[in-house]
Amino acid sequence: MKFEMGGIYVEVRGLKGFSTLIGLGLTAAAVVQELKQPPEERDWHGRVLGVVPYDFRPPTPGRVRDEFWDPDSQRVLTPHAFGVGWGVNFGAIARKLDLVA
């Protein structure tokens, strides 16, 4: 699929290209959502369309750890510590497989 955006020609090839396009669209929607708010109300994290999580605050070691390793949580998919979408909580998977106590 080929299309033009503001003088830039974009060609999307296959599933990888399509998923990249979706990711860019969600990122743009999140930024627009934040910029529509008054500056004092912008917190740079939330959900696009009430579903897809985003967080553009500088990541902290605790948020990165909780995204990828939180065996105390039941959630396998966790919001990214930075960016749009979800990460995989390998700690929850390890707990479900009885690999950690």
PDB file of N, CA and C in Angstrom:
ATOM      1  N   MET A   1       0.851  -1.158   0.000  1.00  0.00           N
ATOM      2  CA  MET A   1       0.000   0.000   0.000  1.00  0.00           C
ATOM      3  C   MET A   1       0.904   1.230   0.000  1.00  0.00           C
ATOM      4  N   LYS A   2       0.611   2.194  -0.868  1.00  0.00           N
ATOM      5  CA  LYS A   2       1.359   3.432  -0.942  1.00  0.00           C
ATOM      6  C   LYS A   2       0.406   4.600  -0.717  1.00  0.00           C
ATOM      7  N   PHE A   3       0.862   5.619   0.007  1.00  0.00           N
ATOM      8  CA  PHE A   3       0.075   6.833   0.153  1.00  0.00           C
ATOM      9  C   PHE A   3       0.997   8.004   0.458  1.00  0.00           C
ATOM     10  N   GLU A   4       0.439   9.205   0.360  1.00  0.00           N
ATOM     11  CA  GLU A   4       1.210  10.424   0.557  1.00  0.00           C
ATOM     12  C   GLU A   4       0.691  11.160   1.787  1.00  0.00           C
ATOM     13  N   MET A   5       1.625  11.627   2.632  1.00  0.00           N
ATOM     14  CA  MET A   5       1.263  12.379   3.837  1.00  0.00           C
ATOM     15  C   MET A   5       2.081  13.660   3.869  1.00  0.00           C
ATOM     16  N   GLY A   6       1.448  14.782   3.587  1.00  0.00           N
ATOM     17  CA  GLY A   6       2.121  16.072   3.669  1.00  0.00           C
ATOM     18  C   GLY A   6       3.383  16.155   2.835  1.00  0.00           C
ATOM     19  N   GLY A   7       3.354  15.639   1.630  1.00  0.00           N
ATOM     20  CA  GLY A   7       4.515  15.687   0.764  1.00  0.00           C
ATOM     21  C   GLY A   7       5.484  14.536   0.956  1.00  0.00           C
ATOM     22  N   ILE A   8       5.203  13.668   1.912  1.00  0.00           N
ATOM     23  CA  ILE A   8       6.050  12.499   2.158  1.00  0.00           C
ATOM     24  C   ILE A   8       5.310  11.270   1.651  1.00  0.00           C
ATOM     25  N   TYR A   9       5.983  10.508   0.808  1.00  0.00           N
ATOM     26  CA  TYR A   9       5.375   9.289   0.278  1.00  0.00           C
ATOM     27  C   TYR A   9       5.760   8.109   1.165  1.00  0.00           C
ATOM     28  N   VAL A  10       4.762   7.354   1.551  1.00  0.00           N
ATOM     29  CA  VAL A  10       4.957   6.224   2.455  1.00  0.00           C
ATOM     30  C   VAL A  10       4.492   4.957   1.766  1.00  0.00           C
ATOM     31  N   GLU A  11       5.308   3.918   1.870  1.00  0.00           N
ATOM     32  CA  GLU A  11       4.923   2.616   1.346  1.00  0.00           C
ATOM     33  C   GLU A  11       4.921   1.626   2.496  1.00  0.00           C
ATOM     34  N   VAL A  12       3.801   0.970   2.694  1.00  0.00           N
ATOM     35  CA  VAL A  12       3.649  -0.012   3.763  1.00  0.00           C
ATOM     36  C   VAL A  12       3.696  -1.391   3.141  1.00  0.00           C
ATOM     37  N   ARG A  13       4.652  -2.203   3.604  1.00  0.00           N
ATOM     38  CA  ARG A  13       4.803  -3.553   3.069  1.00  0.00           C
ATOM     39  C   ARG A  13       4.578  -4.581   4.165  1.00  0.00           C
ATOM     40  N   GLY A  14       3.638  -5.427   3.963  1.00  0.00           N
ATOM     41  CA  GLY A  14       3.418  -6.561   4.851  1.00  0.00           C
ATOM     42  C   GLY A  14       2.929  -6.196   6.245  1.00  0.00           C
ATOM     43  N   LEU A  15       2.878  -7.211   7.080  1.00  0.00           N
ATOM     44  CA  LEU A  15       2.374  -7.058   8.445  1.00  0.00           C
ATOM     45  C   LEU A  15       3.272  -6.159   9.288  1.00  0.00           C
ATOM     46  N   LYS A  16       4.583  -6.272   9.102  1.00  0.00           N
ATOM     47  CA  LYS A  16       5.511  -5.431   9.863  1.00  0.00           C
ATOM     48  C   LYS A  16       5.296  -3.954   9.551  1.00  0.00           C
ATOM     49  N   GLY A  17       5.144  -3.628   8.297  1.00  0.00           N
ATOM     50  CA  GLY A  17       4.895  -2.243   7.896  1.00  0.00           C
ATOM     51  C   GLY A  17       3.567  -1.741   8.424  1.00  0.00           C
ATOM     52  N   PHE A  18       2.554  -2.600   8.363  1.00  0.00           N
ATOM     53  CA  PHE A  18       1.231  -2.230   8.864  1.00  0.00           C
ATOM     54  C   PHE A  18       1.259  -1.989  10.366  1.00  0.00           C
ATOM     55  N   SER A  19       1.941  -2.868  11.110  1.00  0.00           N
ATOM     56  CA  SER A  19       2.005  -2.692  12.562  1.00  0.00           C
ATOM     57  C   SER A  19       2.820  -1.444  12.930  1.00  0.00           C
ATOM     58  N   THR A  20       3.856  -1.129  12.156  1.00  0.00           N
ATOM     59  CA  THR A  20       4.620   0.096  12.383  1.00  0.00           C
ATOM     60  C   THR A  20       3.734   1.312  12.159  1.00  0.00           C
ATOM     61  N   LEU A  21       2.938   1.281  11.116  1.00  0.00           N
ATOM     62  CA  LEU A  21       2.025   2.378  10.821  1.00  0.00           C
ATOM     63  C   LEU A  21       1.007   2.557  11.950  1.00  0.00           C
ATOM     64  N   ILE A  22       0.478   1.464  12.466  1.00  0.00           N
ATOM     65  CA  ILE A  22      -0.473   1.534  13.592  1.00  0.00           C
ATOM     66  C   ILE A  22       0.223   2.139  14.818  1.00  0.00           C
ATOM     67  N   GLY A  23       1.451   1.693  15.106  1.00  0.00           N
ATOM     68  CA  GLY A  23       2.194   2.220  16.247  1.00  0.00           C
ATOM     69  C   GLY A  23       2.451   3.707  16.131  1.00  0.00           C
ATOM     70  N   LEU A  24       2.834   4.151  14.940  1.00  0.00           N
ATOM     71  CA  LEU A  24       3.054   5.582  14.731  1.00  0.00           C
ATOM     72  C   LEU A  24       1.757   6.368  14.895  1.00  0.00           C
ATOM     73  N   GLY A  25       0.671   5.821  14.398  1.00  0.00           N
ATOM     74  CA  GLY A  25      -0.628   6.481  14.547  1.00  0.00           C
ATOM     75  C   GLY A  25      -1.045   6.593  16.005  1.00  0.00           C
ATOM     76  N   LEU A  26      -0.849   5.525  16.781  1.00  0.00           N
ATOM     77  CA  LEU A  26      -1.192   5.564  18.204  1.00  0.00           C
ATOM     78  C   LEU A  26      -0.305   6.550  18.961  1.00  0.00           C
ATOM     79  N   THR A  27       0.974   6.604  18.592  1.00  0.00           N
ATOM     80  CA  THR A  27       1.883   7.559  19.235  1.00  0.00           C
ATOM     81  C   THR A  27       1.444   8.984  18.937  1.00  0.00           C
ATOM     82  N   ALA A  28       1.126   9.257  17.680  1.00  0.00           N
ATOM     83  CA  ALA A  28       0.660  10.594  17.305  1.00  0.00           C
ATOM     84  C   ALA A  28      -0.635  10.940  18.035  1.00  0.00           C
ATOM     85  N   ALA A  29      -1.549   9.984  18.134  1.00  0.00           N
ATOM     86  CA  ALA A  29      -2.816  10.231  18.833  1.00  0.00           C
ATOM     87  C   ALA A  29      -2.579  10.532  20.310  1.00  0.00           C
ATOM     88  N   ALA A  30      -1.631   9.841  20.938  1.00  0.00           N
ATOM     89  CA  ALA A  30      -1.326  10.088  22.350  1.00  0.00           C
ATOM     90  C   ALA A  30      -0.752  11.485  22.549  1.00  0.00           C
ATOM     91  N   VAL A  31       0.162  11.883  21.661  1.00  0.00           N
ATOM     92  CA  VAL A  31       0.756  13.226  21.770  1.00  0.00           C
ATOM     93  C   VAL A  31      -0.314  14.293  21.567  1.00  0.00           C
ATOM     94  N   VAL A  32      -1.164  14.131  20.571  1.00  0.00           N
ATOM     95  CA  VAL A  32      -2.246  15.088  20.331  1.00  0.00           C
ATOM     96  C   VAL A  32      -3.177  15.143  21.531  1.00  0.00           C
ATOM     97  N   GLN A  33      -3.487  13.987  22.101  1.00  0.00           N
ATOM     98  CA  GLN A  33      -4.362  13.923  23.278  1.00  0.00           C
ATOM     99  C   GLN A  33      -3.774  14.749  24.425  1.00  0.00           C
ATOM    100  N   GLU A  34      -2.469  14.640  24.643  1.00  0.00           N
ATOM    101  CA  GLU A  34      -1.821  15.416  25.706  1.00  0.00           C
ATOM    102  C   GLU A  34      -1.781  16.909  25.362  1.00  0.00           C
ATOM    103  N   LEU A  35      -1.473  17.241  24.116  1.00  0.00           N
ATOM    104  CA  LEU A  35      -1.352  18.648  23.735  1.00  0.00           C
ATOM    105  C   LEU A  35      -2.689  19.381  23.729  1.00  0.00           C
ATOM    106  N   LYS A  36      -3.791  18.642  23.655  1.00  0.00           N
ATOM    107  CA  LYS A  36      -5.114  19.271  23.720  1.00  0.00           C
ATOM    108  C   LYS A  36      -5.437  19.766  25.132  1.00  0.00           C
ATOM    109  N   GLN A  37      -4.745  19.239  26.116  1.00  0.00           N
ATOM    110  CA  GLN A  37      -4.988  19.632  27.504  1.00  0.00           C
ATOM    111  C   GLN A  37      -4.204  20.908  27.825  1.00  0.00           C
ATOM    112  N   PRO A  38      -4.680  21.689  28.795  1.00  0.00           N
ATOM    113  CA  PRO A  38      -3.881  22.838  29.238  1.00  0.00           C
ATOM    114  C   PRO A  38      -2.533  22.346  29.773  1.00  0.00           C
ATOM    115  N   PRO A  39      -1.459  23.135  29.589  1.00  0.00           N
ATOM    116  CA  PRO A  39      -0.123  22.685  29.996  1.00  0.00           C
ATOM    117  C   PRO A  39      -0.036  22.174  31.434  1.00  0.00           C
ATOM    118  N   GLU A  40      -0.744  22.809  32.346  1.00  0.00           N
ATOM    119  CA  GLU A  40      -0.654  22.378  33.748  1.00  0.00           C
ATOM    120  C   GLU A  40      -1.343  21.045  34.010  1.00  0.00           C
ATOM    121  N   GLU A  41      -2.162  20.570  33.069  1.00  0.00           N
ATOM    122  CA  GLU A  41      -2.866  19.294  33.249  1.00  0.00           C
ATOM    123  C   GLU A  41      -2.212  18.145  32.484  1.00  0.00           C
ATOM    124  N   ARG A  42      -1.174  18.421  31.728  1.00  0.00           N
ATOM    125  CA  ARG A  42      -0.504  17.363  30.959  1.00  0.00           C
ATOM    126  C   ARG A  42       0.368  16.534  31.887  1.00  0.00           C
ATOM    127  N   ASP A  43       0.109  15.236  31.919  1.00  0.00           N
ATOM    128  CA  ASP A  43       0.957  14.353  32.732  1.00  0.00           C
ATOM    129  C   ASP A  43       1.709  13.336  31.873  1.00  0.00           C
ATOM    130  N   TRP A  44       1.453  13.332  30.577  1.00  0.00           N
ATOM    131  CA  TRP A  44       2.180  12.537  29.591  1.00  0.00           C
ATOM    132  C   TRP A  44       2.095  11.031  29.828  1.00  0.00           C
ATOM    133  N   HIS A  45       1.028  10.582  30.460  1.00  0.00           N
ATOM    134  CA  HIS A  45       0.731   9.158  30.503  1.00  0.00           C
ATOM    135  C   HIS A  45      -0.780   8.997  30.614  1.00  0.00           C
ATOM    136  N   GLY A  46      -1.283   7.904  30.047  1.00  0.00           N
ATOM    137  CA  GLY A  46      -2.715   7.648  30.033  1.00  0.00           C
ATOM    138  C   GLY A  46      -3.034   6.533  29.052  1.00  0.00           C
ATOM    139  N   ARG A  47      -4.200   6.655  28.406  1.00  0.00           N
ATOM    140  CA  ARG A  47      -4.625   5.641  27.443  1.00  0.00           C
ATOM    141  C   ARG A  47      -5.184   6.310  26.200  1.00  0.00           C
ATOM    142  N   VAL A  48      -4.782   5.818  25.031  1.00  0.00           N
ATOM    143  CA  VAL A  48      -5.328   6.282  23.759  1.00  0.00           C
ATOM    144  C   VAL A  48      -6.644   5.557  23.541  1.00  0.00           C
ATOM    145  N   LEU A  49      -7.674   6.296  23.210  1.00  0.00           N
ATOM    146  CA  LEU A  49      -9.012   5.729  22.984  1.00  0.00           C
ATOM    147  C   LEU A  49      -9.501   4.953  24.204  1.00  0.00           C
ATOM    148  N   GLY A  50      -8.942   5.241  25.367  1.00  0.00           N
ATOM    149  CA  GLY A  50      -9.345   4.563  26.600  1.00  0.00           C
ATOM    150  C   GLY A  50      -8.861   3.128  26.701  1.00  0.00           C
ATOM    151  N   VAL A  51      -8.003   2.691  25.764  1.00  0.00           N
ATOM    152  CA  VAL A  51      -7.588   1.288  25.733  1.00  0.00           C
ATOM    153  C   VAL A  51      -6.067   1.119  25.758  1.00  0.00           C
ATOM    154  N   VAL A  52      -5.375   1.725  24.815  1.00  0.00           N
ATOM    155  CA  VAL A  52      -3.940   1.491  24.625  1.00  0.00           C
ATOM    156  C   VAL A  52      -3.137   2.427  25.539  1.00  0.00           C
ATOM    157  N   PRO A  53      -2.335   1.862  26.461  1.00  0.00           N
ATOM    158  CA  PRO A  53      -1.591   2.706  27.390  1.00  0.00           C
ATOM    159  C   PRO A  53      -0.401   3.403  26.725  1.00  0.00           C
ATOM    160  N   TYR A  54      -0.110   4.597  27.235  1.00  0.00           N
ATOM    161  CA  TYR A  54       1.099   5.297  26.797  1.00  0.00           C
ATOM    162  C   TYR A  54       1.733   5.978  28.002  1.00  0.00           C
ATOM    163  N   ASP A  55       3.042   6.155  27.946  1.00  0.00           N
ATOM    164  CA  ASP A  55       3.776   6.835  29.003  1.00  0.00           C
ATOM    165  C   ASP A  55       5.009   7.475  28.378  1.00  0.00           C
ATOM    166  N   PHE A  56       5.017   8.810  28.336  1.00  0.00           N
ATOM    167  CA  PHE A  56       6.136   9.544  27.760  1.00  0.00           C
ATOM    168  C   PHE A  56       6.982  10.229  28.827  1.00  0.00           C
ATOM    169  N   ARG A  57       6.765   9.874  30.101  1.00  0.00           N
ATOM    170  CA  ARG A  57       7.621  10.386  31.168  1.00  0.00           C
ATOM    171  C   ARG A  57       8.952   9.638  31.111  1.00  0.00           C
ATOM    172  N   PRO A  58      10.028  10.276  31.599  1.00  0.00           N
ATOM    173  CA  PRO A  58      11.294   9.533  31.637  1.00  0.00           C
ATOM    174  C   PRO A  58      11.111   8.232  32.425  1.00  0.00           C
ATOM    175  N   PRO A  59      11.583   7.114  31.890  1.00  0.00           N
ATOM    176  CA  PRO A  59      11.391   5.842  32.597  1.00  0.00           C
ATOM    177  C   PRO A  59      12.221   5.804  33.881  1.00  0.00           C
ATOM    178  N   THR A  60      11.687   5.121  34.870  1.00  0.00           N
ATOM    179  CA  THR A  60      12.409   4.913  36.119  1.00  0.00           C
ATOM    180  C   THR A  60      12.789   3.439  36.211  1.00  0.00           C
ATOM    181  N   PRO A  61      13.823   3.119  36.973  1.00  0.00           N
ATOM    182  CA  PRO A  61      14.171   1.700  37.136  1.00  0.00           C
ATOM    183  C   PRO A  61      12.995   0.868  37.658  1.00  0.00           C
ATOM    184  N   GLY A  62      12.198   1.422  38.554  1.00  0.00           N
ATOM    185  CA  GLY A  62      11.058   0.681  39.090  1.00  0.00           C
ATOM    186  C   GLY A  62      10.000   0.379  38.048  1.00  0.00           C
ATOM    187  N   ARG A  63       9.699   1.351  37.185  1.00  0.00           N
ATOM    188  CA  ARG A  63       8.692   1.108  36.139  1.00  0.00           C
ATOM    189  C   ARG A  63       9.212   0.120  35.098  1.00  0.00           C
ATOM    190  N   VAL A  64      10.498   0.200  34.775  1.00  0.00           N
ATOM    191  CA  VAL A  64      11.068  -0.761  33.820  1.00  0.00           C
ATOM    192  C   VAL A  64      11.020  -2.161  34.414  1.00  0.00           C
ATOM    193  N   ARG A  65      11.402  -2.294  35.679  1.00  0.00           N
ATOM    194  CA  ARG A  65      11.362  -3.596  36.350  1.00  0.00           C
ATOM    195  C   ARG A  65       9.930  -4.140  36.365  1.00  0.00           C
ATOM    196  N   ASP A  66       8.956  -3.297  36.732  1.00  0.00           N
ATOM    197  CA  ASP A  66       7.573  -3.760  36.809  1.00  0.00           C
ATOM    198  C   ASP A  66       7.008  -4.138  35.437  1.00  0.00           C
ATOM    199  N   GLU A  67       7.527  -3.516  34.378  1.00  0.00           N
ATOM    200  CA  GLU A  67       7.069  -3.894  33.036  1.00  0.00           C
ATOM    201  C   GLU A  67       7.515  -5.302  32.686  1.00  0.00           C
ATOM    202  N   PHE A  68       8.775  -5.630  32.988  1.00  0.00           N
ATOM    203  CA  PHE A  68       9.342  -6.891  32.531  1.00  0.00           C
ATOM    204  C   PHE A  68       9.458  -7.983  33.600  1.00  0.00           C
ATOM    205  N   TRP A  69       9.515  -7.589  34.881  1.00  0.00           N
ATOM    206  CA  TRP A  69       9.693  -8.605  35.920  1.00  0.00           C
ATOM    207  C   TRP A  69       8.944  -8.214  37.184  1.00  0.00           C
ATOM    208  N   ASP A  70       7.704  -8.687  37.309  1.00  0.00           N
ATOM    209  CA  ASP A  70       6.899  -8.453  38.508  1.00  0.00           C
ATOM    210  C   ASP A  70       6.137  -9.745  38.819  1.00  0.00           C
ATOM    211  N   PRO A  71       6.824 -10.727  39.435  1.00  0.00           N
ATOM    212  CA  PRO A  71       6.166 -12.014  39.682  1.00  0.00           C
ATOM    213  C   PRO A  71       4.991 -11.921  40.651  1.00  0.00           C
ATOM    214  N   ASP A  72       4.872 -10.806  41.378  1.00  0.00           N
ATOM    215  CA  ASP A  72       3.743 -10.646  42.296  1.00  0.00           C
ATOM    216  C   ASP A  72       2.464 -10.226  41.570  1.00  0.00           C
ATOM    217  N   SER A  73       2.587  -9.836  40.321  1.00  0.00           N
ATOM    218  CA  SER A  73       1.422  -9.418  39.536  1.00  0.00           C
ATOM    219  C   SER A  73       0.903 -10.598  38.718  1.00  0.00           C
ATOM    220  N   GLN A  74      -0.397 -10.648  38.512  1.00  0.00           N
ATOM    221  CA  GLN A  74      -1.015 -11.673  37.671  1.00  0.00           C
ATOM    222  C   GLN A  74      -0.996 -11.269  36.195  1.00  0.00           C
ATOM    223  N   ARG A  75      -0.742  -9.990  35.918  1.00  0.00           N
ATOM    224  CA  ARG A  75      -0.818  -9.463  34.553  1.00  0.00           C
ATOM    225  C   ARG A  75       0.413  -9.857  33.743  1.00  0.00           C
ATOM    226  N   VAL A  76       0.181 -10.500  32.615  1.00  0.00           N
ATOM    227  CA  VAL A  76       1.272 -10.875  31.712  1.00  0.00           C
ATOM    228  C   VAL A  76       1.619  -9.692  30.809  1.00  0.00           C
ATOM    229  N   LEU A  77       0.617  -8.963  30.335  1.00  0.00           N
ATOM    230  CA  LEU A  77       0.857  -7.759  29.536  1.00  0.00           C
ATOM    231  C   LEU A  77       0.770  -6.542  30.451  1.00  0.00           C
ATOM    232  N   THR A  78       1.819  -5.741  30.448  1.00  0.00           N
ATOM    233  CA  THR A  78       1.888  -4.564  31.312  1.00  0.00           C
ATOM    234  C   THR A  78       2.163  -3.335  30.451  1.00  0.00           C
ATOM    235  N   PRO A  79       1.707  -2.149  30.876  1.00  0.00           N
ATOM    236  CA  PRO A  79       1.999  -0.943  30.104  1.00  0.00           C
ATOM    237  C   PRO A  79       3.512  -0.718  30.001  1.00  0.00           C
ATOM    238  N   HIS A  80       3.952  -0.238  28.845  1.00  0.00           N
ATOM    239  CA  HIS A  80       5.368   0.075  28.662  1.00  0.00           C
ATOM    240  C   HIS A  80       5.812   1.118  29.688  1.00  0.00           C
ATOM    241  N   ALA A  81       7.048   0.999  30.153  1.00  0.00           N
ATOM    242  CA  ALA A  81       7.628   2.002  31.035  1.00  0.00           C
ATOM    243  C   ALA A  81       7.852   3.303  30.269  1.00  0.00           C
ATOM    244  N   PHE A  82       8.021   3.218  28.955  1.00  0.00           N
ATOM    245  CA  PHE A  82       8.137   4.390  28.096  1.00  0.00           C
ATOM    246  C   PHE A  82       7.636   4.015  26.711  1.00  0.00           C
ATOM    247  N   GLY A  83       6.711   4.787  26.189  1.00  0.00           N
ATOM    248  CA  GLY A  83       6.198   4.543  24.852  1.00  0.00           C
ATOM    249  C   GLY A  83       4.717   4.196  24.859  1.00  0.00           C
ATOM    250  N   VAL A  84       4.282   3.556  23.792  1.00  0.00           N
ATOM    251  CA  VAL A  84       2.873   3.224  23.596  1.00  0.00           C
ATOM    252  C   VAL A  84       2.732   1.712  23.509  1.00  0.00           C
ATOM    253  N   GLY A  85       1.754   1.179  24.215  1.00  0.00           N
ATOM    254  CA  GLY A  85       1.472  -0.246  24.128  1.00  0.00           C
ATOM    255  C   GLY A  85       1.848  -1.013  25.384  1.00  0.00           C
ATOM    256  N   TRP A  86       2.087  -2.303  25.200  1.00  0.00           N
ATOM    257  CA  TRP A  86       2.314  -3.196  26.319  1.00  0.00           C
ATOM    258  C   TRP A  86       3.650  -3.906  26.206  1.00  0.00           C
ATOM    259  N   GLY A  87       4.178  -4.295  27.364  1.00  0.00           N
ATOM    260  CA  GLY A  87       5.355  -5.150  27.437  1.00  0.00           C
ATOM    261  C   GLY A  87       4.956  -6.482  28.048  1.00  0.00           C
ATOM    262  N   VAL A  88       5.886  -7.401  28.094  1.00  0.00           N
ATOM    263  CA  VAL A  88       5.616  -8.737  28.644  1.00  0.00           C
ATOM    264  C   VAL A  88       6.237  -8.840  30.027  1.00  0.00           C
ATOM    265  N   ASN A  89       5.413  -9.198  30.995  1.00  0.00           N
ATOM    266  CA  ASN A  89       5.872  -9.400  32.373  1.00  0.00           C
ATOM    267  C   ASN A  89       6.342 -10.856  32.504  1.00  0.00           C
ATOM    268  N   PHE A  90       7.642 -11.039  32.303  1.00  0.00           N
ATOM    269  CA  PHE A  90       8.190 -12.390  32.369  1.00  0.00           C
ATOM    270  C   PHE A  90       8.114 -12.965  33.782  1.00  0.00           C
ATOM    271  N   GLY A  91       8.061 -12.097  34.780  1.00  0.00           N
ATOM    272  CA  GLY A  91       7.904 -12.558  36.160  1.00  0.00           C
ATOM    273  C   GLY A  91       6.575 -13.263  36.370  1.00  0.00           C
ATOM    274  N   ALA A  92       5.506 -12.723  35.783  1.00  0.00           N
ATOM    275  CA  ALA A  92       4.190 -13.362  35.897  1.00  0.00           C
ATOM    276  C   ALA A  92       4.180 -14.703  35.167  1.00  0.00           C
ATOM    277  N   ILE A  93       4.842 -14.762  34.018  1.00  0.00           N
ATOM    278  CA  ILE A  93       4.921 -16.029  33.279  1.00  0.00           C
ATOM    279  C   ILE A  93       5.703 -17.054  34.091  1.00  0.00           C
ATOM    280  N   ALA A  94       6.827 -16.641  34.671  1.00  0.00           N
ATOM    281  CA  ALA A  94       7.626 -17.551  35.496  1.00  0.00           C
ATOM    282  C   ALA A  94       6.817 -18.057  36.679  1.00  0.00           C
ATOM    283  N   ARG A  95       6.029 -17.193  37.288  1.00  0.00           N
ATOM    284  CA  ARG A  95       5.190 -17.606  38.425  1.00  0.00           C
ATOM    285  C   ARG A  95       4.146 -18.618  37.971  1.00  0.00           C
ATOM    286  N   LYS A  96       3.503 -18.375  36.821  1.00  0.00           N
ATOM    287  CA  LYS A  96       2.475 -19.295  36.318  1.00  0.00           C
ATOM    288  C   LYS A  96       3.067 -20.664  35.972  1.00  0.00           C
ATOM    289  N   LEU A  97       4.350 -20.698  35.589  1.00  0.00           N
ATOM    290  CA  LEU A  97       5.017 -21.951  35.265  1.00  0.00           C
ATOM    291  C   LEU A  97       5.720 -22.551  36.483  1.00  0.00           C
ATOM    292  N   ASP A  98       5.515 -21.968  37.651  1.00  0.00           N
ATOM    293  CA  ASP A  98       6.129 -22.406  38.904  1.00  0.00           C
ATOM    294  C   ASP A  98       7.665 -22.406  38.819  1.00  0.00           C
ATOM    295  N   LEU A  99       8.216 -21.412  38.139  1.00  0.00           N
ATOM    296  CA  LEU A  99       9.673 -21.288  38.061  1.00  0.00           C
ATOM    297  C   LEU A  99      10.232 -20.394  39.158  1.00  0.00           C
ATOM    298  N   VAL A 100       9.353 -19.599  39.790  1.00  0.00           N
ATOM    299  CA  VAL A 100       9.754 -18.751  40.926  1.00  0.00           C
ATOM    300  C   VAL A 100       8.766 -18.961  42.054  1.00  0.00           C
ATOM    301  N   ALA A 101       9.245 -18.718  43.250  1.00  0.00           N
ATOM    302  CA  ALA A 101       8.381 -18.912  44.428  1.00  0.00           C
ATOM    303  C   ALA A 101       7.579 -17.668  44.709  1.00  0.00           C
TER     304      ALA A 101
END
